[in-house]
Amino acid sequence: MVFVSGMTDSGEPFWNFGLAFYGRPRVSAACLALQDGHGHDVNLLLYACWIGLSGRGRLTPGDLARAAKASEPWRRGVIEPLRAARRALKEAGGDAAPLYADAKAMELKVERVAQLRLAALAPPAEARPAEVLAADASANLALCLQNATERQLAAPVFAALDVAAEDGPAVSM
């Protein structure tokens, strides 16, 4: 199957993809394990997957480095402190529960900003066969990972890439 998604350069397609793909079975758990245990930026992992699955090809090490450099100040200065506060509020429980819900909603908003910024770096999409989309996305994800342990943790993500490529336009929400 060959498709070009209806994605525009507005960044919203990456956000929509990220929400849908992250919600696939075992993907969120794998991404969080890579984030919490190995210091990976989940938005960058999703970006690498989206670039490949959306027909934008393979990232080079330079492309990935530019994306990481562009996202790092927002991640370190805004996302990570907000995530830490949200997690602390969750642990506090009780009367902090409404604040936890507010922090969770705010964290999603700042994650969205991060993804909009990353999407602005993306090249245009081209029509490609599903197997090429899957191969490109897998190569992009592998480029993000440092070692065999991380690749093993990411196994559910790699599996979801193959399924998502076969789904065709559904990944382009």
Protein backbone atom coordinates (compact mmCIF):
# COMPACT_ATOMS: atom_id res chain seq x y z
CA MET A 1 0.00 0.00 0.00
CA VAL A 2 1.30 3.49 -0.85
CA PHE A 3 -0.07 6.63 0.69
CA VAL A 4 0.71 10.24 1.36
CA SER A 5 -0.96 11.36 4.49
CA GLY A 6 -3.09 14.44 4.78
CA MET A 7 -0.45 15.92 7.08
CA THR A 8 0.32 19.57 6.74
CA ASP A 9 3.27 21.50 8.04
CA SER A 10 1.22 22.98 10.90
CA GLY A 11 2.53 20.47 13.41
CA GLU A 12 -0.91 19.24 14.41
CA PRO A 13 -0.51 16.01 12.43
CA PHE A 14 2.55 15.11 14.51
CA TRP A 15 0.61 15.81 17.71
CA ASN A 16 -2.32 13.69 16.49
CA PHE A 17 0.04 10.91 15.44
CA GLY A 18 1.82 11.08 18.79
CA LEU A 19 -1.41 10.72 20.75
CA ALA A 20 -2.61 7.80 18.63
CA PHE A 21 0.73 5.99 18.43
CA TYR A 22 1.54 6.45 22.13
CA GLY A 23 -1.85 4.89 22.88
CA ARG A 24 -1.03 1.67 21.02
CA PRO A 25 -0.56 -1.41 23.21
CA ARG A 26 2.70 -1.35 25.20
CA VAL A 27 4.07 1.71 23.39
CA SER A 28 3.59 4.14 26.28
CA ALA A 29 5.17 1.73 28.77
CA ALA A 30 8.19 1.24 26.50
CA CYS A 31 8.58 4.98 25.93
CA LEU A 32 8.34 5.72 29.65
CA ALA A 33 10.92 3.01 30.42
CA LEU A 34 13.28 4.63 27.91
CA GLN A 35 12.55 8.06 29.38
CA ASP A 36 12.77 7.24 33.07
CA GLY A 37 15.44 4.57 32.92
CA HIS A 38 17.64 5.82 30.09
CA GLY A 39 17.02 9.57 29.82
CA HIS A 40 15.33 9.58 26.42
CA ASP A 41 13.02 12.35 25.28
CA VAL A 42 9.71 10.65 24.41
CA ASN A 43 8.83 13.48 22.02
CA LEU A 44 12.06 12.85 20.13
CA LEU A 45 11.34 9.11 19.96
CA LEU A 46 7.85 9.83 18.63
CA TYR A 47 9.27 12.37 16.18
CA ALA A 48 11.67 9.76 14.79
CA CYS A 49 8.78 7.33 14.34
CA TRP A 50 6.52 9.96 12.78
CA ILE A 51 9.16 11.12 10.30
CA GLY A 52 9.44 7.58 8.95
CA LEU A 53 5.77 6.61 9.07
CA SER A 54 4.58 9.84 7.50
CA GLY A 55 6.71 9.43 4.38
CA ARG A 56 9.37 11.94 5.37
CA GLY A 57 12.18 9.38 5.11
CA ARG A 58 15.14 8.58 7.29
CA LEU A 59 16.81 10.87 9.74
CA THR A 60 20.56 11.33 9.60
CA PRO A 61 22.57 11.60 12.81
CA GLY A 62 22.79 15.33 12.05
CA ASP A 63 19.00 15.60 11.67
CA LEU A 64 18.50 13.87 15.00
CA ALA A 65 21.12 16.05 16.69
CA ARG A 66 19.43 19.22 15.37
CA ALA A 67 16.04 18.03 16.61
CA ALA A 68 17.50 17.17 20.03
CA LYS A 69 19.26 20.52 20.26
CA ALA A 70 16.10 22.37 19.27
CA SER A 71 13.96 20.57 21.83
CA GLU A 72 16.39 20.42 24.76
CA PRO A 73 15.85 23.89 26.28
CA TRP A 74 12.05 23.45 26.38
CA ARG A 75 12.35 19.90 27.68
CA ARG A 76 14.82 20.74 30.45
CA GLY A 77 13.39 24.14 31.35
CA VAL A 78 9.66 23.43 31.14
CA ILE A 79 8.66 19.80 30.57
CA GLU A 80 10.93 18.08 33.08
CA PRO A 81 10.23 20.48 35.99
CA LEU A 82 6.50 20.28 35.31
CA ARG A 83 6.67 16.49 35.14
CA ALA A 84 8.49 16.40 38.48
CA ALA A 85 5.85 18.66 40.04
CA ARG A 86 3.02 16.54 38.61
CA ARG A 87 4.57 13.37 39.99
CA ALA A 88 5.02 15.00 43.41
CA LEU A 89 1.38 16.10 43.41
CA LYS A 90 0.29 12.57 42.54
CA GLU A 91 2.25 11.18 45.47
CA ALA A 92 0.81 13.84 47.79
CA GLY A 93 -2.75 12.69 47.04
CA GLY A 94 -5.63 14.01 49.15
CA ASP A 95 -6.28 17.71 48.69
CA ALA A 96 -3.54 17.85 46.03
CA ALA A 97 -5.63 15.70 43.65
CA PRO A 98 -7.19 18.68 41.82
CA LEU A 99 -3.74 20.23 41.45
CA TYR A 100 -2.45 16.94 40.05
CA ALA A 101 -5.18 16.99 37.41
CA ASP A 102 -4.29 20.59 36.52
CA ALA A 103 -0.58 19.74 36.34
CA LYS A 104 -1.31 16.73 34.12
CA ALA A 105 -3.35 18.90 31.73
CA MET A 106 -0.61 21.54 31.69
CA GLU A 107 2.04 18.90 31.01
CA LEU A 108 0.10 17.76 27.94
CA LYS A 109 -0.05 21.36 26.73
CA VAL A 110 3.70 21.85 27.04
CA GLU A 111 4.35 18.47 25.39
CA ARG A 112 2.20 19.69 22.51
CA VAL A 113 4.33 22.83 22.17
CA ALA A 114 7.43 20.61 22.06
CA GLN A 115 5.91 18.53 19.28
CA LEU A 116 4.82 21.59 17.28
CA ARG A 117 8.41 22.84 17.43
CA LEU A 118 9.79 19.49 16.31
CA ALA A 119 7.24 19.24 13.49
CA ALA A 120 8.52 22.55 12.13
CA LEU A 121 11.84 20.79 11.44
CA ALA A 122 10.27 18.00 9.38
CA PRO A 123 10.80 17.68 5.63
CA PRO A 124 7.76 17.30 3.37
CA ALA A 125 6.09 13.91 3.03
CA GLU A 126 6.34 11.76 -0.08
CA ALA A 127 4.36 8.74 -1.23
CA ARG A 128 6.13 5.56 -0.15
CA PRO A 129 5.14 1.90 0.13
CA ALA A 130 4.13 0.70 3.59
CA GLU A 131 7.22 -1.47 3.92
CA VAL A 132 9.44 1.56 3.24
CA LEU A 133 7.54 3.61 5.82
CA ALA A 134 8.07 0.88 8.42
CA ALA A 135 11.75 0.49 7.53
CA ASP A 136 12.34 4.25 7.67
CA ALA A 137 10.55 4.59 11.01
CA SER A 138 12.46 1.63 12.47
CA ALA A 139 15.78 3.03 11.26
CA ASN A 140 14.91 6.43 12.75
CA LEU A 141 13.98 4.88 16.10
CA ALA A 142 17.15 2.75 16.11
CA LEU A 143 19.18 5.92 15.53
CA CYS A 144 17.78 7.29 18.81
CA LEU A 145 18.73 4.23 20.84
CA GLN A 146 22.18 3.73 22.34
CA ASN A 147 22.53 0.01 22.92
CA ALA A 148 20.98 -3.46 22.84
CA THR A 149 19.24 -2.92 26.21
CA GLU A 150 17.44 0.15 24.88
CA ARG A 151 16.54 -1.62 21.64
CA GLN A 152 15.07 -4.47 23.69
CA LEU A 153 13.03 -2.03 25.78
CA ALA A 154 11.80 -0.45 22.54
CA ALA A 155 10.67 -3.80 21.06
CA PRO A 156 6.95 -2.93 21.49
CA VAL A 157 7.55 0.36 19.67
CA PHE A 158 9.29 -1.39 16.78
CA ALA A 159 6.38 -3.86 16.58
CA ALA A 160 3.84 -1.02 16.59
CA LEU A 161 5.70 0.67 13.72
CA ASP A 162 5.10 -2.31 11.47
CA VAL A 163 1.40 -2.37 12.31
CA ALA A 164 1.07 1.40 11.94
CA ALA A 165 2.69 1.33 8.49
CA GLU A 166 0.17 -1.27 7.35
CA ASP A 167 -2.67 0.83 8.79
CA GLY A 168 -1.84 3.48 6.24
CA PRO A 169 -3.65 6.80 6.55
CA ALA A 170 -4.83 5.96 10.08
CA VAL A 171 -1.38 6.93 11.36
CA SER A 172 -1.77 10.36 9.85
CA MET A 173 -4.60 11.53 12.05
